[in-house]
PDB file of N, CA and C in Angstrom:
ATOM      1  N   MET A   1      -6.486  -3.948  11.435  1.00  0.00           N
ATOM      2  CA  MET A   1      -5.681  -3.663  10.288  1.00  0.00           C
ATOM      3  C   MET A   1      -4.130  -4.184  10.645  1.00  0.00           C
ATOM      4  N   HIS A   2      -3.556  -4.793   9.826  1.00  0.00           N
ATOM      5  CA  HIS A   2      -2.153  -5.171   9.961  1.00  0.00           C
ATOM      6  C   HIS A   2      -1.227  -3.966   9.614  1.00  0.00           C
ATOM      7  N   ARG A   3      -0.066  -3.926  10.269  1.00  0.00           N
ATOM      8  CA  ARG A   3       0.832  -2.951   9.907  1.00  0.00           C
ATOM      9  C   ARG A   3       2.129  -3.432   9.600  1.00  0.00           C
ATOM     10  N   LEU A   4       2.754  -3.050   8.555  1.00  0.00           N
ATOM     11  CA  LEU A   4       4.017  -3.475   8.067  1.00  0.00           C
ATOM     12  C   LEU A   4       4.879  -2.431   8.257  1.00  0.00           C
ATOM     13  N   THR A   5       6.035  -2.673   8.831  1.00  0.00           N
ATOM     14  CA  THR A   5       7.126  -1.679   8.899  1.00  0.00           C
ATOM     15  C   THR A   5       8.177  -2.051   8.554  1.00  0.00           C
ATOM     16  N   ILE A   6       8.910  -1.274   7.558  1.00  0.00           N
ATOM     17  CA  ILE A   6      10.156  -1.743   7.082  1.00  0.00           C
ATOM     18  C   ILE A   6      11.261  -0.469   7.164  1.00  0.00           C
ATOM     19  N   GLU A   7      12.468  -0.843   7.318  1.00  0.00           N
ATOM     20  CA  GLU A   7      13.477   0.149   7.392  1.00  0.00           C
ATOM     21  C   GLU A   7      14.167   0.313   6.084  1.00  0.00           C
ATOM     22  N   VAL A   8      14.422   1.420   5.437  1.00  0.00           N
ATOM     23  CA  VAL A   8      15.026   1.682   4.265  1.00  0.00           C
ATOM     24  C   VAL A   8      16.148   2.657   4.400  1.00  0.00           C
ATOM     25  N   ASP A   9      17.097   2.871   3.551  1.00  0.00           N
ATOM     26  CA  ASP A   9      18.067   3.842   3.619  1.00  0.00           C
ATOM     27  C   ASP A   9      17.395   4.969   3.195  1.00  0.00           C
ATOM     28  N   ARG A  10      18.116   6.190   3.275  1.00  0.00           N
ATOM     29  CA  ARG A  10      17.724   7.562   3.144  1.00  0.00           C
ATOM     30  C   ARG A  10      17.423   7.722   1.342  1.00  0.00           C
ATOM     31  N   GLN A  11      18.550   7.150   0.835  1.00  0.00           N
ATOM     32  CA  GLN A  11      18.353   7.077  -0.796  1.00  0.00           C
ATOM     33  C   GLN A  11      17.104   6.458  -1.321  1.00  0.00           C
ATOM     34  N   LEU A  12      16.819   5.247  -0.729  1.00  0.00           N
ATOM     35  CA  LEU A  12      15.673   4.439  -1.386  1.00  0.00           C
ATOM     36  C   LEU A  12      14.400   5.090  -0.859  1.00  0.00           C
ATOM     37  N   TYR A  13      14.404   5.849   0.211  1.00  0.00           N
ATOM     38  CA  TYR A  13      13.208   6.624   0.809  1.00  0.00           C
ATOM     39  C   TYR A  13      12.920   7.797  -0.056  1.00  0.00           C
ATOM     40  N   ARG A  14      14.078   8.326  -0.534  1.00  0.00           N
ATOM     41  CA  ARG A  14      13.892   9.540  -1.281  1.00  0.00           C
ATOM     42  C   ARG A  14      13.295   8.997  -2.759  1.00  0.00           C
ATOM     43  N   GLN A  15      13.840   8.075  -3.251  1.00  0.00           N
ATOM     44  CA  GLN A  15      13.393   7.405  -4.520  1.00  0.00           C
ATOM     45  C   GLN A  15      11.883   7.022  -4.477  1.00  0.00           C
ATOM     46  N   LEU A  16      11.578   6.492  -3.366  1.00  0.00           N
ATOM     47  CA  LEU A  16      10.057   6.123  -3.206  1.00  0.00           C
ATOM     48  C   LEU A  16       9.328   7.228  -3.218  1.00  0.00           C
ATOM     49  N   GLU A  17       9.759   8.425  -2.567  1.00  0.00           N
ATOM     50  CA  GLU A  17       8.948   9.392  -2.539  1.00  0.00           C
ATOM     51  C   GLU A  17       8.837  10.128  -3.839  1.00  0.00           C
ATOM     52  N   GLN A  18       9.864  10.300  -4.581  1.00  0.00           N
ATOM     53  CA  GLN A  18       9.782  10.985  -5.938  1.00  0.00           C
ATOM     54  C   GLN A  18       9.048  10.167  -6.832  1.00  0.00           C
ATOM     55  N   ALA A  19       9.071   8.634  -6.931  1.00  0.00           N
ATOM     56  CA  ALA A  19       8.383   7.710  -7.602  1.00  0.00           C
ATOM     57  C   ALA A  19       6.902   8.021  -7.331  1.00  0.00           C
ATOM     58  N   ALA A  20       6.567   8.349  -5.896  1.00  0.00           N
ATOM     59  CA  ALA A  20       5.018   8.459  -5.526  1.00  0.00           C
ATOM     60  C   ALA A  20       4.498   9.859  -6.211  1.00  0.00           C
ATOM     61  N   GLN A  21       5.449  10.799  -6.091  1.00  0.00           N
ATOM     62  CA  GLN A  21       4.978  12.118  -6.831  1.00  0.00           C
ATOM     63  C   GLN A  21       4.678  11.849  -8.167  1.00  0.00           C
ATOM     64  N   VAL A  22       5.619  11.434  -8.947  1.00  0.00           N
ATOM     65  CA  VAL A  22       5.440  10.955 -10.615  1.00  0.00           C
ATOM     66  C   VAL A  22       4.308  10.344 -10.785  1.00  0.00           C
ATOM     67  N   HIS A  23       3.920   9.485  -9.867  1.00  0.00           N
ATOM     68  CA  HIS A  23       2.646   8.385 -10.338  1.00  0.00           C
ATOM     69  C   HIS A  23       1.454   9.075  -9.690  1.00  0.00           C
ATOM     70  N   HIS A  24       1.599  10.218  -8.926  1.00  0.00           N
ATOM     71  CA  HIS A  24       0.417  10.777  -8.179  1.00  0.00           C
ATOM     72  C   HIS A  24      -0.110   9.738  -7.227  1.00  0.00           C
ATOM     73  N   LEU A  25       0.609   9.354  -6.383  1.00  0.00           N
ATOM     74  CA  LEU A  25       0.369   8.278  -5.444  1.00  0.00           C
ATOM     75  C   LEU A  25       0.874   8.749  -3.987  1.00  0.00           C
ATOM     76  N   SER A  26       0.334   7.992  -2.922  1.00  0.00           N
ATOM     77  CA  SER A  26       0.894   8.160  -1.615  1.00  0.00           C
ATOM     78  C   SER A  26       2.056   7.308  -1.523  1.00  0.00           C
ATOM     79  N   LEU A  27       2.901   7.540  -0.633  1.00  0.00           N
ATOM     80  CA  LEU A  27       4.132   6.748  -0.586  1.00  0.00           C
ATOM     81  C   LEU A  27       3.664   5.162  -0.310  1.00  0.00           C
ATOM     82  N   GLU A  28       2.574   5.092   0.767  1.00  0.00           N
ATOM     83  CA  GLU A  28       1.988   3.765   0.923  1.00  0.00           C
ATOM     84  C   GLU A  28       1.524   3.041  -0.557  1.00  0.00           C
ATOM     85  N   ALA A  29       1.102   3.933  -1.268  1.00  0.00           N
ATOM     86  CA  ALA A  29       0.450   3.298  -2.651  1.00  0.00           C
ATOM     87  C   ALA A  29       1.559   3.091  -3.627  1.00  0.00           C
ATOM     88  N   GLU A  30       2.637   3.687  -3.574  1.00  0.00           N
ATOM     89  CA  GLU A  30       3.930   3.566  -4.356  1.00  0.00           C
ATOM     90  C   GLU A  30       4.408   2.110  -3.960  1.00  0.00           C
ATOM     91  N   CYS A  31       4.446   2.032  -2.786  1.00  0.00           N
ATOM     92  CA  CYS A  31       5.179   0.892  -2.085  1.00  0.00           C
ATOM     93  C   CYS A  31       4.419  -0.375  -2.679  1.00  0.00           C
ATOM     94  N   ARG A  32       2.890  -0.253  -2.627  1.00  0.00           N
ATOM     95  CA  ARG A  32       2.214  -1.511  -2.768  1.00  0.00           C
ATOM     96  C   ARG A  32       2.225  -1.617  -4.337  1.00  0.00           C
ATOM     97  N   ARG A  33       2.305  -0.500  -5.215  1.00  0.00           N
ATOM     98  CA  ARG A  33       2.559  -0.785  -6.654  1.00  0.00           C
ATOM     99  C   ARG A  33       3.694  -1.516  -6.841  1.00  0.00           C
ATOM    100  N   ARG A  34       4.909  -0.983  -6.232  1.00  0.00           N
ATOM    101  CA  ARG A  34       6.053  -1.805  -6.459  1.00  0.00           C
ATOM    102  C   ARG A  34       6.038  -3.208  -6.112  1.00  0.00           C
ATOM    103  N   LEU A  35       5.423  -3.548  -4.845  1.00  0.00           N
ATOM    104  CA  LEU A  35       5.341  -4.836  -4.422  1.00  0.00           C
ATOM    105  C   LEU A  35       4.244  -5.736  -5.454  1.00  0.00           C
ATOM    106  N   SER A  36       3.396  -5.148  -6.045  1.00  0.00           N
ATOM    107  CA  SER A  36       2.434  -5.881  -6.959  1.00  0.00           C
ATOM    108  C   SER A  36       3.286  -6.502  -8.147  1.00  0.00           C
ATOM    109  N   GLY A  37       4.324  -5.658  -8.387  1.00  0.00           N
ATOM    110  CA  GLY A  37       5.159  -6.002  -9.601  1.00  0.00           C
ATOM    111  C   GLY A  37       5.895  -7.476  -9.298  1.00  0.00           C
ATOM    112  N   LEU A  38       6.114  -7.627  -7.993  1.00  0.00           N
ATOM    113  CA  LEU A  38       6.802  -8.942  -7.390  1.00  0.00           C
ATOM    114  C   LEU A  38       5.736 -10.113  -7.128  1.00  0.00           C
ATOM    115  N   GLU A  39       4.619  -9.569  -7.313  1.00  0.00           N
ATOM    116  CA  GLU A  39       3.287 -10.431  -6.834  1.00  0.00           C
ATOM    117  C   GLU A  39       3.627 -11.782  -7.485  1.00  0.00           C
ATOM    118  N   CYS A  40       3.701 -11.964  -8.671  1.00  0.00           N
ATOM    119  CA  CYS A  40       3.728 -13.227  -9.493  1.00  0.00           C
ATOM    120  C   CYS A  40       4.890 -14.076  -9.016  1.00  0.00           C
ATOM    121  N   GLN A  41       5.751 -13.537  -8.365  1.00  0.00           N
ATOM    122  CA  GLN A  41       7.220 -14.344  -7.925  1.00  0.00           C
ATOM    123  C   GLN A  41       7.023 -15.094  -6.697  1.00  0.00           C
ATOM    124  N   SER A  42       6.090 -14.675  -5.875  1.00  0.00           N
ATOM    125  CA  SER A  42       6.172 -15.188  -4.530  1.00  0.00           C
ATOM    126  C   SER A  42       4.579 -15.417  -4.062  1.00  0.00           C
ATOM    127  N   ARG A  43       4.337 -16.665  -3.352  1.00  0.00           N
ATOM    128  CA  ARG A  43       3.074 -17.055  -2.899  1.00  0.00           C
ATOM    129  C   ARG A  43       2.870 -16.045  -1.696  1.00  0.00           C
ATOM    130  N   TYR A  44       4.035 -15.837  -0.903  1.00  0.00           N
ATOM    131  CA  TYR A  44       3.938 -15.146   0.338  1.00  0.00           C
ATOM    132  C   TYR A  44       3.382 -13.680  -0.137  1.00  0.00           C
ATOM    133  N   LEU A  45       4.150 -13.142  -1.023  1.00  0.00           N
ATOM    134  CA  LEU A  45       3.634 -11.724  -1.510  1.00  0.00           C
ATOM    135  C   LEU A  45       2.278 -11.653  -1.938  1.00  0.00           C
ATOM    136  N   GLN A  46       1.881 -12.720  -2.719  1.00  0.00           N
ATOM    137  CA  GLN A  46       0.543 -12.855  -2.939  1.00  0.00           C
ATOM    138  C   GLN A  46      -0.442 -12.627  -2.121  1.00  0.00           C
ATOM    139  N   ALA A  47      -0.188 -13.343  -0.932  1.00  0.00           N
ATOM    140  CA  ALA A  47      -1.058 -13.402   0.147  1.00  0.00           C
ATOM    141  C   ALA A  47      -0.861 -12.036   0.886  1.00  0.00           C
ATOM    142  N   LEU A  48       0.180 -11.485   1.005  1.00  0.00           N
ATOM    143  CA  LEU A  48       0.400 -10.330   1.843  1.00  0.00           C
ATOM    144  C   LEU A  48      -0.293  -9.187   1.296  1.00  0.00           C
ATOM    145  N   LEU A  49      -0.379  -9.124  -0.198  1.00  0.00           N
ATOM    146  CA  LEU A  49      -0.938  -8.082  -1.125  1.00  0.00           C
ATOM    147  C   LEU A  49      -2.420  -8.196  -0.871  1.00  0.00           C
ATOM    148  N   ALA A  50      -3.091  -9.522  -1.081  1.00  0.00           N
ATOM    149  CA  ALA A  50      -4.346  -9.627  -0.793  1.00  0.00           C
ATOM    150  C   ALA A  50      -4.799  -9.278   0.439  1.00  0.00           C
ATOM    151  N   GLU A  51      -3.915  -9.472   1.419  1.00  0.00           N
ATOM    152  CA  GLU A  51      -4.645  -9.012   2.898  1.00  0.00           C
ATOM    153  C   GLU A  51      -4.604  -7.529   2.947  1.00  0.00           C
ATOM    154  N   MET A  52      -3.540  -6.767   2.288  1.00  0.00           N
ATOM    155  CA  MET A  52      -3.397  -5.456   2.200  1.00  0.00           C
ATOM    156  C   MET A  52      -4.579  -4.932   1.544  1.00  0.00           C
ATOM    157  N   ARG A  53      -4.921  -5.482   0.319  1.00  0.00           N
ATOM    158  CA  ARG A  53      -5.975  -4.946  -0.574  1.00  0.00           C
ATOM    159  C   ARG A  53      -7.380  -5.142   0.191  1.00  0.00           C
ATOM    160  N   ALA A  54      -7.552  -6.200   1.040  1.00  0.00           N
ATOM    161  CA  ALA A  54      -8.747  -6.465   1.864  1.00  0.00           C
ATOM    162  C   ALA A  54      -8.856  -5.212   2.754  1.00  0.00           C
ATOM    163  N   ASP A  55      -7.849  -5.024   3.608  1.00  0.00           N
ATOM    164  CA  ASP A  55      -7.740  -4.034   4.518  1.00  0.00           C
ATOM    165  C   ASP A  55      -8.065  -2.573   4.010  1.00  0.00           C
ATOM    166  N   ALA A  56      -7.407  -2.417   2.791  1.00  0.00           N
ATOM    167  CA  ALA A  56      -7.869  -0.935   2.411  1.00  0.00           C
ATOM    168  C   ALA A  56      -9.196  -1.010   1.903  1.00  0.00           C
ATOM    169  N   ASP A  57      -9.777  -2.045   1.302  1.00  0.00           N
ATOM    170  CA  ASP A  57     -11.232  -2.076   0.913  1.00  0.00           C
ATOM    171  C   ASP A  57     -12.115  -1.826   2.204  1.00  0.00           C
ATOM    172  N   GLU A  58     -11.691  -2.658   3.136  1.00  0.00           N
ATOM    173  CA  GLU A  58     -12.432  -2.364   4.602  1.00  0.00           C
ATOM    174  C   GLU A  58     -12.403  -1.013   5.047  1.00  0.00           C
ATOM    175  N   GLU A  59     -11.228  -0.444   4.909  1.00  0.00           N
ATOM    176  CA  GLU A  59     -11.152   0.946   5.293  1.00  0.00           C
ATOM    177  C   GLU A  59     -12.038   1.896   4.632  1.00  0.00           C
ATOM    178  N   ARG A  60     -12.055   1.731   3.275  1.00  0.00           N
ATOM    179  CA  ARG A  60     -13.042   2.467   2.419  1.00  0.00           C
ATOM    180  C   ARG A  60     -14.319   2.474   2.743  1.00  0.00           C
ATOM    181  N   TRP A  61     -14.922   1.301   2.898  1.00  0.00           N
ATOM    182  CA  TRP A  61     -16.151   0.910   3.244  1.00  0.00           C
ATOM    183  C   TRP A  61     -16.549   1.596   4.501  1.00  0.00           C
ATOM    184  N   ARG A  62     -15.678   1.564   5.578  1.00  0.00           N
ATOM    185  CA  ARG A  62     -15.863   2.136   6.913  1.00  0.00           C
ATOM    186  C   ARG A  62     -15.912   3.630   6.818  1.00  0.00           C
ATOM    187  N   ALA A  63     -15.049   4.237   5.914  1.00  0.00           N
ATOM    188  CA  ALA A  63     -15.244   5.700   5.551  1.00  0.00           C
ATOM    189  C   ALA A  63     -16.369   6.051   4.989  1.00  0.00           C
ATOM    190  N   ARG A  64     -17.040   5.259   4.058  1.00  0.00           N
ATOM    191  CA  ARG A  64     -18.302   5.582   3.491  1.00  0.00           C
ATOM    192  C   ARG A  64     -19.345   5.470   4.466  1.00  0.00           C
ATOM    193  N   ASP A  65     -19.309   4.397   5.209  1.00  0.00           N
ATOM    194  CA  ASP A  65     -20.230   4.289   6.257  1.00  0.00           C
ATOM    195  C   ASP A  65     -20.280   5.508   7.266  1.00  0.00           C
ATOM    196  N   ASP A  66     -19.213   5.953   7.764  1.00  0.00           N
ATOM    197  CA  ASP A  66     -19.096   7.009   8.598  1.00  0.00           C
ATOM    198  C   ASP A  66     -19.661   8.272   7.964  1.00  0.00           C
ATOM    199  N   ASP A  67     -19.342   8.543   6.733  1.00  0.00           N
ATOM    200  CA  ASP A  67     -19.949   9.686   5.889  1.00  0.00           C
ATOM    201  C   ASP A  67     -21.461   9.536   5.876  1.00  0.00           C
ATOM    202  N   ARG A  68     -22.080   8.600   5.901  1.00  0.00           N
ATOM    203  CA  ARG A  68     -23.478   8.229   5.550  1.00  0.00           C
ATOM    204  C   ARG A  68     -24.143   8.579   6.860  1.00  0.00           C
ATOM    205  N   VAL A  69     -23.574   8.087   8.209  1.00  0.00           N
ATOM    206  CA  VAL A  69     -24.214   8.382   9.401  1.00  0.00           C
ATOM    207  C   VAL A  69     -24.186   9.727   9.806  1.00  0.00           C
ATOM    208  N   GLU A  70     -23.245  10.699   9.401  1.00  0.00           N
ATOM    209  CA  GLU A  70     -23.186  11.875   9.674  1.00  0.00           C
ATOM    210  C   GLU A  70     -24.206  12.630   8.924  1.00  0.00           C
TER     211      GLU A  70
END
């Protein structure tokens, strides 16, 4: 899995946290939701989001497989 690390100021971080709560999402999902709004504007963002979605799908499949094994 690829990891993306960003630095944000305290005010933006709080805004992201509040938006995540309002939308009943994790902080990561809220960031993805916001990035997807920019998706059509940048081929780089399109590729990055596609990769993040694929990684998330893979993690879900692994979790399902782990549940079945137990």
